[in-house]
C-alpha atoms as a PDB file:
ATOM      1  CA  MET A   1     -10.824  -1.944  -3.052  1.00  0.00           C
ATOM      2  CA  ASN A   2      -9.073  -1.177   0.229  1.00  0.00           C
ATOM      3  CA  LYS A   3      -8.826   2.628   0.317  1.00  0.00           C
ATOM      4  CA  LYS A   4      -6.969   2.652   3.613  1.00  0.00           C
ATOM      5  CA  ILE A   5      -3.857   1.026   2.236  1.00  0.00           C
ATOM      6  CA  VAL A   6      -1.588   1.460  -0.745  1.00  0.00           C
ATOM      7  CA  ALA A   7       1.228  -0.826  -1.849  1.00  0.00           C
ATOM      8  CA  VAL A   8       4.688   0.458  -2.732  1.00  0.00           C
ATOM      9  CA  VAL A   9       6.611  -1.932  -4.963  1.00  0.00           C
ATOM     10  CA  LEU A  10      10.337  -1.261  -4.646  1.00  0.00           C
ATOM     11  CA  CYS A  11      11.571  -1.691  -8.205  1.00  0.00           C
ATOM     12  CA  GLY A  12      14.221   0.979  -8.765  1.00  0.00           C
ATOM     13  CA  GLY A  13      17.409  -0.921  -7.923  1.00  0.00           C
ATOM     14  CA  MET A  14      20.096  -1.928 -10.405  1.00  0.00           C
ATOM     15  CA  GLY A  15      20.337  -5.595  -9.383  1.00  0.00           C
ATOM     16  CA  THR A  16      24.130  -5.618  -9.463  1.00  0.00           C
ATOM     17  CA  ARG A  17      24.411  -9.169  -8.105  1.00  0.00           C
ATOM     18  CA  LEU A  18      22.734 -10.328 -11.323  1.00  0.00           C
ATOM     19  CA  SER A  19      24.675  -7.992 -13.594  1.00  0.00           C
ATOM     20  CA  GLU A  20      25.020 -10.727 -16.241  1.00  0.00           C
ATOM     21  CA  ILE A  21      21.308 -10.239 -16.858  1.00  0.00           C
ATOM     22  CA  THR A  22      20.461  -6.823 -15.459  1.00  0.00           C
ATOM     23  CA  ASN A  23      22.789  -4.913 -17.778  1.00  0.00           C
ATOM     24  CA  LYS A  24      20.007  -5.385 -20.344  1.00  0.00           C
ATOM     25  CA  LYS A  25      16.859  -5.361 -18.240  1.00  0.00           C
ATOM     26  CA  PRO A  26      15.917  -4.750 -14.584  1.00  0.00           C
ATOM     27  CA  LYS A  27      15.892  -7.710 -12.237  1.00  0.00           C
ATOM     28  CA  SER A  28      12.149  -7.481 -11.667  1.00  0.00           C
ATOM     29  CA  LEU A  29      11.570  -8.264 -15.355  1.00  0.00           C
ATOM     30  CA  ILE A  30      13.470 -11.551 -15.325  1.00  0.00           C
ATOM     31  CA  ASN A  31      11.079 -14.278 -16.419  1.00  0.00           C
ATOM     32  CA  ILE A  32      10.240 -17.193 -14.142  1.00  0.00           C
ATOM     33  CA  LEU A  33       8.051 -19.806 -15.828  1.00  0.00           C
ATOM     34  CA  ASP A  34       7.097 -17.314 -18.566  1.00  0.00           C
ATOM     35  CA  LYS A  35       6.135 -14.497 -16.178  1.00  0.00           C
ATOM     36  CA  SER A  36       8.270 -11.632 -14.888  1.00  0.00           C
ATOM     37  CA  ILE A  37       9.102 -11.574 -11.182  1.00  0.00           C
ATOM     38  CA  ILE A  38       7.193  -8.322 -10.753  1.00  0.00           C
ATOM     39  CA  TRP A  39       4.141  -9.945 -12.360  1.00  0.00           C
ATOM     40  CA  TYR A  40       3.998 -12.327  -9.385  1.00  0.00           C
ATOM     41  CA  VAL A  41       4.314  -9.411  -6.952  1.00  0.00           C
ATOM     42  CA  VAL A  42       1.531  -7.358  -8.532  1.00  0.00           C
ATOM     43  CA  SER A  43      -0.643 -10.476  -8.849  1.00  0.00           C
ATOM     44  CA  ILE A  44      -0.458 -11.275  -5.135  1.00  0.00           C
ATOM     45  CA  LEU A  45      -1.427  -7.675  -4.318  1.00  0.00           C
ATOM     46  CA  LEU A  46      -4.462  -7.803  -6.598  1.00  0.00           C
ATOM     47  CA  LYS A  47      -5.366 -11.246  -5.277  1.00  0.00           C
ATOM     48  CA  ASN A  48      -5.571  -9.675  -1.805  1.00  0.00           C
ATOM     49  CA  LYS A  49      -7.715  -6.753  -3.062  1.00  0.00           C
ATOM     50  CA  ILE A  50      -4.880  -4.243  -2.819  1.00  0.00           C
ATOM     51  CA  ASN A  51      -5.487  -2.410  -6.068  1.00  0.00           C
ATOM     52  CA  ASN A  52      -3.756   0.893  -5.359  1.00  0.00           C
ATOM     53  CA  VAL A  53      -0.078   0.454  -6.189  1.00  0.00           C
ATOM     54  CA  ILE A  54       2.806   2.916  -6.492  1.00  0.00           C
ATOM     55  CA  PHE A  55       5.959   2.062  -8.415  1.00  0.00           C
ATOM     56  CA  PRO A  56       8.917   4.331  -7.526  1.00  0.00           C
ATOM     57  CA  LEU A  57      10.881   3.836 -10.738  1.00  0.00           C
ATOM     58  CA  GLY A  58      14.646   3.967 -11.122  1.00  0.00           C
ATOM     59  CA  TYR A  59      16.949   1.820 -13.235  1.00  0.00           C
ATOM     60  CA  LYS A  60      15.285   1.091 -16.602  1.00  0.00           C
ATOM     61  CA  GLY A  61      11.980   2.182 -15.119  1.00  0.00           C
ATOM     62  CA  ASP A  62      10.353   2.734 -18.506  1.00  0.00           C
ATOM     63  CA  LEU A  63      10.686  -0.993 -19.238  1.00  0.00           C
ATOM     64  CA  ILE A  64       9.012  -1.848 -15.942  1.00  0.00           C
ATOM     65  CA  LYS A  65       6.138   0.539 -16.580  1.00  0.00           C
ATOM     66  CA  LYS A  66       5.601  -0.801 -20.102  1.00  0.00           C
ATOM     67  CA  SER A  67       5.568  -4.407 -18.874  1.00  0.00           C
ATOM     68  CA  ILE A  68       3.091  -3.769 -16.042  1.00  0.00           C
ATOM     69  CA  LEU A  69       0.697  -1.772 -18.209  1.00  0.00           C
ATOM     70  CA  LYS A  70       0.732  -4.583 -20.742  1.00  0.00           C
ATOM     71  CA  ASP A  71       0.103  -7.338 -18.175  1.00  0.00           C
ATOM     72  CA  PHE A  72      -2.481  -5.510 -16.058  1.00  0.00           C
ATOM     73  CA  LYS A  73      -4.431  -3.298 -18.440  1.00  0.00           C
ATOM     74  CA  LYS A  74      -7.712  -3.513 -16.531  1.00  0.00           C
ATOM     75  CA  LYS A  75      -6.141  -2.394 -13.244  1.00  0.00           C
ATOM     76  CA  SER A  76      -3.747   0.235 -14.572  1.00  0.00           C
ATOM     77  CA  ASN A  77      -5.950   3.190 -13.569  1.00  0.00           C
ATOM     78  CA  ASN A  78      -5.057   2.471  -9.948  1.00  0.00           C
ATOM     79  CA  PHE A  79      -1.307   2.375 -10.595  1.00  0.00           C
ATOM     80  CA  LYS A  80       1.088   5.302 -10.213  1.00  0.00           C
ATOM     81  CA  PHE A  81       4.530   5.276 -11.804  1.00  0.00           C
ATOM     82  CA  ILE A  82       6.856   7.880 -10.277  1.00  0.00           C
ATOM     83  CA  LYS A  83      10.391   8.457 -11.544  1.00  0.00           C
ATOM     84  CA  THR A  84      12.548   8.653  -8.427  1.00  0.00           C
ATOM     85  CA  GLY A  85      16.061   8.443  -9.886  1.00  0.00           C
ATOM     86  CA  LYS A  86      18.446   5.740 -11.025  1.00  0.00           C
ATOM     87  CA  LYS A  87      20.660   5.514  -7.917  1.00  0.00           C
ATOM     88  CA  THR A  88      18.276   6.854  -5.270  1.00  0.00           C
ATOM     89  CA  GLU A  89      18.228   5.331  -1.784  1.00  0.00           C
ATOM     90  CA  ILE A  90      14.980   3.740  -0.573  1.00  0.00           C
ATOM     91  CA  SER A  91      14.327   6.477   2.003  1.00  0.00           C
ATOM     92  CA  GLN A  92      14.652   9.131  -0.701  1.00  0.00           C
ATOM     93  CA  ARG A  93      12.327   7.219  -3.023  1.00  0.00           C
ATOM     94  CA  ILE A  94       9.732   7.134  -0.249  1.00  0.00           C
ATOM     95  CA  LYS A  95      10.106  10.868   0.325  1.00  0.00           C
ATOM     96  CA  LYS A  96       9.500  11.528  -3.364  1.00  0.00           C
ATOM     97  CA  ILE A  97       6.204   9.637  -3.246  1.00  0.00           C
ATOM     98  CA  SER A  98       5.180  10.663   0.285  1.00  0.00           C
ATOM     99  CA  LYS A  99       2.453  13.080  -0.857  1.00  0.00           C
ATOM    100  CA  TYR A 100       0.606  10.090  -2.323  1.00  0.00           C
ATOM    101  CA  LEU A 101       1.211   7.913   0.739  1.00  0.00           C
ATOM    102  CA  LEU A 102      -0.300  10.516   3.075  1.00  0.00           C
ATOM    103  CA  LYS A 103      -3.699   9.854   1.512  1.00  0.00           C
ATOM    104  CA  TYR A 104      -3.720   6.420   3.169  1.00  0.00           C
ATOM    105  CA  ASP A 105      -3.537   5.141   6.741  1.00  0.00           C
ATOM    106  CA  ASP A 106      -0.819   2.608   5.938  1.00  0.00           C
ATOM    107  CA  PHE A 107       1.404   1.565   3.065  1.00  0.00           C
ATOM    108  CA  LEU A 108       2.608  -1.923   2.272  1.00  0.00           C
ATOM    109  CA  LEU A 109       6.289  -1.922   1.350  1.00  0.00           C
ATOM    110  CA  ILE A 110       7.188  -4.911  -0.825  1.00  0.00           C
ATOM    111  CA  ASN A 111      10.234  -5.954  -2.834  1.00  0.00           C
ATOM    112  CA  SER A 112       9.926  -6.614  -6.557  1.00  0.00           C
ATOM    113  CA  ASP A 113      12.437  -9.471  -6.685  1.00  0.00           C
ATOM    114  CA  THR A 114      10.530 -12.094  -4.683  1.00  0.00           C
ATOM    115  CA  ILE A 115       7.921 -14.645  -5.700  1.00  0.00           C
ATOM    116  CA  LEU A 116       5.534 -15.031  -2.787  1.00  0.00           C
ATOM    117  CA  ASP A 117       2.049 -16.165  -1.914  1.00  0.00           C
ATOM    118  CA  PHE A 118       0.970 -14.685   1.412  1.00  0.00           C
ATOM    119  CA  ASP A 119      -2.413 -13.931   2.920  1.00  0.00           C
ATOM    120  CA  ILE A 120      -1.817 -10.182   2.985  1.00  0.00           C
ATOM    121  CA  LYS A 121      -5.366  -9.513   4.174  1.00  0.00           C
ATOM    122  CA  SER A 122      -4.681 -11.382   7.405  1.00  0.00           C
ATOM    123  CA  PHE A 123      -1.389  -9.479   7.720  1.00  0.00           C
ATOM    124  CA  LEU A 124      -3.286  -6.188   7.509  1.00  0.00           C
ATOM    125  CA  LYS A 125      -5.818  -7.419  10.076  1.00  0.00           C
ATOM    126  CA  PHE A 126      -2.956  -8.323  12.437  1.00  0.00           C
ATOM    127  CA  HIS A 127      -1.406  -4.877  11.938  1.00  0.00           C
ATOM    128  CA  LYS A 128      -4.670  -3.129  12.798  1.00  0.00           C
ATOM    129  CA  GLN A 129      -5.581  -5.318  15.771  1.00  0.00           C
ATOM    130  CA  LYS A 130      -2.184  -4.843  17.383  1.00  0.00           C
ATOM    131  CA  LYS A 131      -2.244  -1.092  16.656  1.00  0.00           C
ATOM    132  CA  ASN A 132       1.279  -1.315  15.304  1.00  0.00           C
ATOM    133  CA  LEU A 133       2.988   1.521  13.495  1.00  0.00           C
ATOM    134  CA  ILE A 134       5.150  -1.044  11.716  1.00  0.00           C
ATOM    135  CA  SER A 135       4.513  -4.748  11.145  1.00  0.00           C
ATOM    136  CA  PHE A 136       7.013  -7.184   9.712  1.00  0.00           C
ATOM    137  CA  CYS A 137       6.165 -10.264   7.717  1.00  0.00           C
ATOM    138  CA  GLY A 138       8.649 -12.883   8.926  1.00  0.00           C
ATOM    139  CA  VAL A 139       9.387 -16.190   7.224  1.00  0.00           C
ATOM    140  CA  LYS A 140      11.004 -19.475   8.066  1.00  0.00           C
ATOM    141  CA  MET A 141      13.818 -20.529   5.763  1.00  0.00           C
ATOM    142  CA  ASN A 142      15.429 -23.524   4.178  1.00  0.00           C
ATOM    143  CA  SER A 143      19.166 -23.825   4.706  1.00  0.00           C
ATOM    144  CA  GLU A 144      20.888 -24.306   1.342  1.00  0.00           C
ATOM    145  CA  TRP A 145      24.055 -25.540   3.015  1.00  0.00           C
ATOM    146  CA  GLY A 146      24.843 -28.837   4.624  1.00  0.00           C
ATOM    147  CA  THR A 147      23.761 -28.749   8.269  1.00  0.00           C
ATOM    148  CA  ILE A 148      25.607 -30.595  11.033  1.00  0.00           C
ATOM    149  CA  ILE A 149      23.337 -31.498  13.928  1.00  0.00           C
ATOM    150  CA  LYS A 150      25.097 -32.267  17.218  1.00  0.00           C
ATOM    151  CA  GLU A 151      24.297 -33.137  20.780  1.00  0.00           C
ATOM    152  CA  PRO A 152      23.826 -30.012  22.955  1.00  0.00           C
ATOM    153  CA  LYS A 153      26.412 -30.984  25.575  1.00  0.00           C
ATOM    154  CA  ASN A 154      29.098 -32.826  23.597  1.00  0.00           C
ATOM    155  CA  ASP A 155      30.635 -33.099  20.145  1.00  0.00           C
ATOM    156  CA  ARG A 156      28.666 -36.156  18.977  1.00  0.00           C
ATOM    157  CA  VAL A 157      26.994 -35.602  15.616  1.00  0.00           C
ATOM    158  CA  VAL A 158      23.488 -37.049  15.335  1.00  0.00           C
ATOM    159  CA  LYS A 159      22.678 -36.168  11.720  1.00  0.00           C
ATOM    160  CA  PHE A 160      23.933 -34.462   8.570  1.00  0.00           C
ATOM    161  CA  SER A 161      21.183 -32.752   6.605  1.00  0.00           C
ATOM    162  CA  VAL A 162      20.828 -30.732   3.391  1.00  0.00           C
ATOM    163  CA  ASN A 163      18.072 -28.170   2.720  1.00  0.00           C
ATOM    164  CA  SER A 164      16.873 -28.326   6.297  1.00  0.00           C
ATOM    165  CA  LYS A 165      13.877 -26.279   7.406  1.00  0.00           C
ATOM    166  CA  ILE A 166      14.866 -23.586   9.896  1.00  0.00           C
ATOM    167  CA  GLU A 167      12.106 -22.892  12.403  1.00  0.00           C
ATOM    168  CA  SER A 168      13.956 -19.966  13.960  1.00  0.00           C
ATOM    169  CA  TYR A 169      17.569 -19.151  14.723  1.00  0.00           C
ATOM    170  CA  LYS A 170      19.687 -17.448  17.389  1.00  0.00           C
ATOM    171  CA  ILE A 171      22.041 -14.507  17.084  1.00  0.00           C
ATOM    172  CA  LYS A 172      24.781 -13.306  19.393  1.00  0.00           C
ATOM    173  CA  LYS A 173      23.647 -11.276  22.409  1.00  0.00           C
ATOM    174  CA  PHE A 174      20.021 -12.267  21.762  1.00  0.00           C
ATOM    175  CA  GLU A 175      20.316 -15.995  22.446  1.00  0.00           C
ATOM    176  CA  LYS A 176      17.090 -16.207  24.447  1.00  0.00           C
ATOM    177  CA  TYR A 177      15.018 -14.847  21.562  1.00  0.00           C
ATOM    178  CA  ASN A 178      13.733 -16.509  18.390  1.00  0.00           C
ATOM    179  CA  CYS A 179      14.839 -14.887  15.139  1.00  0.00           C
ATOM    180  CA  TYR A 180      13.227 -14.997  11.682  1.00  0.00           C
ATOM    181  CA  ARG A 181      14.152 -13.674   8.285  1.00  0.00           C
ATOM    182  CA  ASN A 182      12.590 -10.460   7.068  1.00  0.00           C
ATOM    183  CA  SER A 183      10.524 -11.378   4.007  1.00  0.00           C
ATOM    184  CA  GLY A 184      10.846  -7.939   2.418  1.00  0.00           C
ATOM    185  CA  VAL A 185       7.167  -7.253   3.133  1.00  0.00           C
ATOM    186  CA  SER A 186       6.209  -4.727   5.797  1.00  0.00           C
ATOM    187  CA  LEU A 187       3.257  -2.535   6.728  1.00  0.00           C
ATOM    188  CA  ILE A 188       4.091   1.019   7.740  1.00  0.00           C
ATOM    189  CA  ASN A 189       1.720   3.584   9.177  1.00  0.00           C
ATOM    190  CA  SER A 190       1.823   6.923   7.381  1.00  0.00           C
ATOM    191  CA  LYS A 191       2.624   8.620  10.700  1.00  0.00           C
ATOM    192  CA  CYS A 192       6.155   7.265  10.204  1.00  0.00           C
ATOM    193  CA  LEU A 193       6.695   9.340   7.058  1.00  0.00           C
ATOM    194  CA  LYS A 194       7.790  12.407   9.021  1.00  0.00           C
ATOM    195  CA  PHE A 195      10.598  10.420  10.628  1.00  0.00           C
ATOM    196  CA  ILE A 196      11.622   8.906   7.270  1.00  0.00           C
ATOM    197  CA  ASN A 197      11.741  12.298   5.559  1.00  0.00           C
ATOM    198  CA  ASN A 198      13.809  13.811   8.378  1.00  0.00           C
ATOM    199  CA  ASN A 199      16.388  11.001   8.417  1.00  0.00           C
ATOM    200  CA  LEU A 200      17.352  10.551   4.771  1.00  0.00           C
ATOM    201  CA  ASN A 201      21.078  10.251   5.418  1.00  0.00           C
ATOM    202  CA  THR A 202      20.840   7.281   7.780  1.00  0.00           C
ATOM    203  CA  ASN A 203      20.390   3.585   7.068  1.00  0.00           C
ATOM    204  CA  PHE A 204      16.690   3.446   6.225  1.00  0.00           C
ATOM    205  CA  GLU A 205      15.776   0.103   7.775  1.00  0.00           C
ATOM    206  CA  ILE A 206      17.893   0.322  10.919  1.00  0.00           C
ATOM    207  CA  SER A 207      16.957   3.895  11.814  1.00  0.00           C
ATOM    208  CA  LEU A 208      13.253   3.608  11.047  1.00  0.00           C
ATOM    209  CA  PHE A 209      12.524   0.197  12.497  1.00  0.00           C
ATOM    210  CA  ASN A 210      14.548   0.560  15.685  1.00  0.00           C
ATOM    211  CA  LYS A 211      13.052   4.006  16.363  1.00  0.00           C
ATOM    212  CA  PHE A 212       9.574   2.501  16.696  1.00  0.00           C
ATOM    213  CA  ILE A 213      10.733  -0.772  18.244  1.00  0.00           C
ATOM    214  CA  LYS A 214      11.903   1.303  21.219  1.00  0.00           C
ATOM    215  CA  ILE A 215       8.353   2.527  21.828  1.00  0.00           C
ATOM    216  CA  ASN A 216       6.863  -0.946  21.381  1.00  0.00           C
ATOM    217  CA  LYS A 217       4.998  -0.162  18.160  1.00  0.00           C
ATOM    218  CA  VAL A 218       6.471  -2.892  15.937  1.00  0.00           C
ATOM    219  CA  GLY A 219       5.191  -6.449  15.559  1.00  0.00           C
ATOM    220  CA  ILE A 220       5.864  -9.513  13.454  1.00  0.00           C
ATOM    221  CA  LYS A 221       3.568 -12.090  11.903  1.00  0.00           C
ATOM    222  CA  ILE A 222       5.147 -15.343  10.720  1.00  0.00           C
ATOM    223  CA  PHE A 223       3.820 -16.673   7.437  1.00  0.00           C
ATOM    224  CA  LYS A 224       4.125 -20.037   5.795  1.00  0.00           C
ATOM    225  CA  GLY A 225       3.729 -20.605   2.095  1.00  0.00           C
ATOM    226  CA  LEU A 226       5.560 -19.731  -1.077  1.00  0.00           C
ATOM    227  CA  TRP A 227       8.414 -17.268  -0.546  1.00  0.00           C
ATOM    228  CA  TYR A 228      11.374 -17.234  -2.881  1.00  0.00           C
ATOM    229  CA  PRO A 229      13.687 -14.217  -3.220  1.00  0.00           C
ATOM    230  CA  ILE A 230      15.791 -14.052  -6.374  1.00  0.00           C
ATOM    231  CA  GLU A 231      19.095 -12.428  -5.572  1.00  0.00           C
ATOM    232  CA  THR A 232      21.757 -14.369  -7.491  1.00  0.00           C
ATOM    233  CA  LEU A 233      22.230 -16.653 -10.492  1.00  0.00           C
ATOM    234  CA  LYS A 234      22.196 -19.554  -8.051  1.00  0.00           C
ATOM    235  CA  ASP A 235      18.631 -18.638  -7.095  1.00  0.00           C
ATOM    236  CA  LEU A 236      17.591 -18.596 -10.760  1.00  0.00           C
ATOM    237  CA  ASN A 237      19.244 -21.936 -11.477  1.00  0.00           C
ATOM    238  CA  LEU A 238      17.558 -23.536  -8.469  1.00  0.00           C
ATOM    239  CA  ILE A 239      14.127 -22.684  -9.852  1.00  0.00           C
ATOM    240  CA  LYS A 240      14.929 -24.571 -13.052  1.00  0.00           C
ATOM    241  CA  ASN A 241      15.800 -27.747 -11.147  1.00  0.00           C
ATOM    242  CA  ASP A 242      13.530 -27.674  -8.091  1.00  0.00           C
ATOM    243  CA  LYS A 243      10.367 -29.600  -8.985  1.00  0.00           C
ATOM    244  CA  VAL A 244       8.615 -28.793  -5.706  1.00  0.00           C
ATOM    245  CA  LEU A 245       9.237 -25.072  -6.111  1.00  0.00           C
ATOM    246  CA  ASN A 246       8.130 -25.209  -9.739  1.00  0.00           C
ATOM    247  CA  LYS A 247       4.905 -26.919  -8.718  1.00  0.00           C
ATOM    248  CA  LYS A 248       4.141 -24.180  -6.153  1.00  0.00           C
ATOM    249  CA  ILE A 249       4.809 -21.417  -8.672  1.00  0.00           C
ATOM    250  CA  LYS A 250       2.648 -23.054 -11.321  1.00  0.00           C
ATOM    251  CA  LYS A 251      -0.166 -23.388  -8.786  1.00  0.00           C
ATOM    252  CA  PHE A 252       0.128 -19.680  -8.013  1.00  0.00           C
ATOM    253  CA  LYS A 253      -0.166 -18.782 -11.701  1.00  0.00           C
ATOM    254  CA  LYS A 254      -3.563 -20.452 -12.080  1.00  0.00           C
END
């Protein structure tokens, strides 16, 4: 058991973009290949020897607690379920559980709506070696849209591609830098809690992350492997029809 780190599984949201389903149950309890999404999240934590887990509960939190206790009976003594309010912002949820977080050096913040298979132990090692206060887990993406590939200096198209792998991308005003998608997994040193608790009325991610980026205490590790966020009905339907993705998820379940 790693006593220097605790995981915080963000599972209090209402999942409004999947309201067709989430009006009856929280998004994290949607089944993918006979297992709830949050089952995959908790499983990857336990797989990486992160046994201490806090669940800041919100929308239909009692259902989430019941499901987790049923699926992980042997590990439940290390779980904490804290009611943090139905419509509470993430920063406020963190404040409500901060007294538990202060017992640890770092906390792993992870979304409950993503199926992923990362080497979290190596992520923690990276975080410690770099002496970061915050570390991001970045991922490469597949483009779901048709991609038009052209010559750099003219309008000649060289290829049309679908579901292309994006190594990195560029954004305006930062063209010389490589950009990656935030996976929804980050490591945060408990020293940051004071700033979080004092800035509850600001955008949590922008205010927190950019504060420590300015003092060069934020790093990113790029991971390959299974990463699939479930945000819309389109995401759910893709799982049903994507044989490669299904194969990866089934392998994870073993």
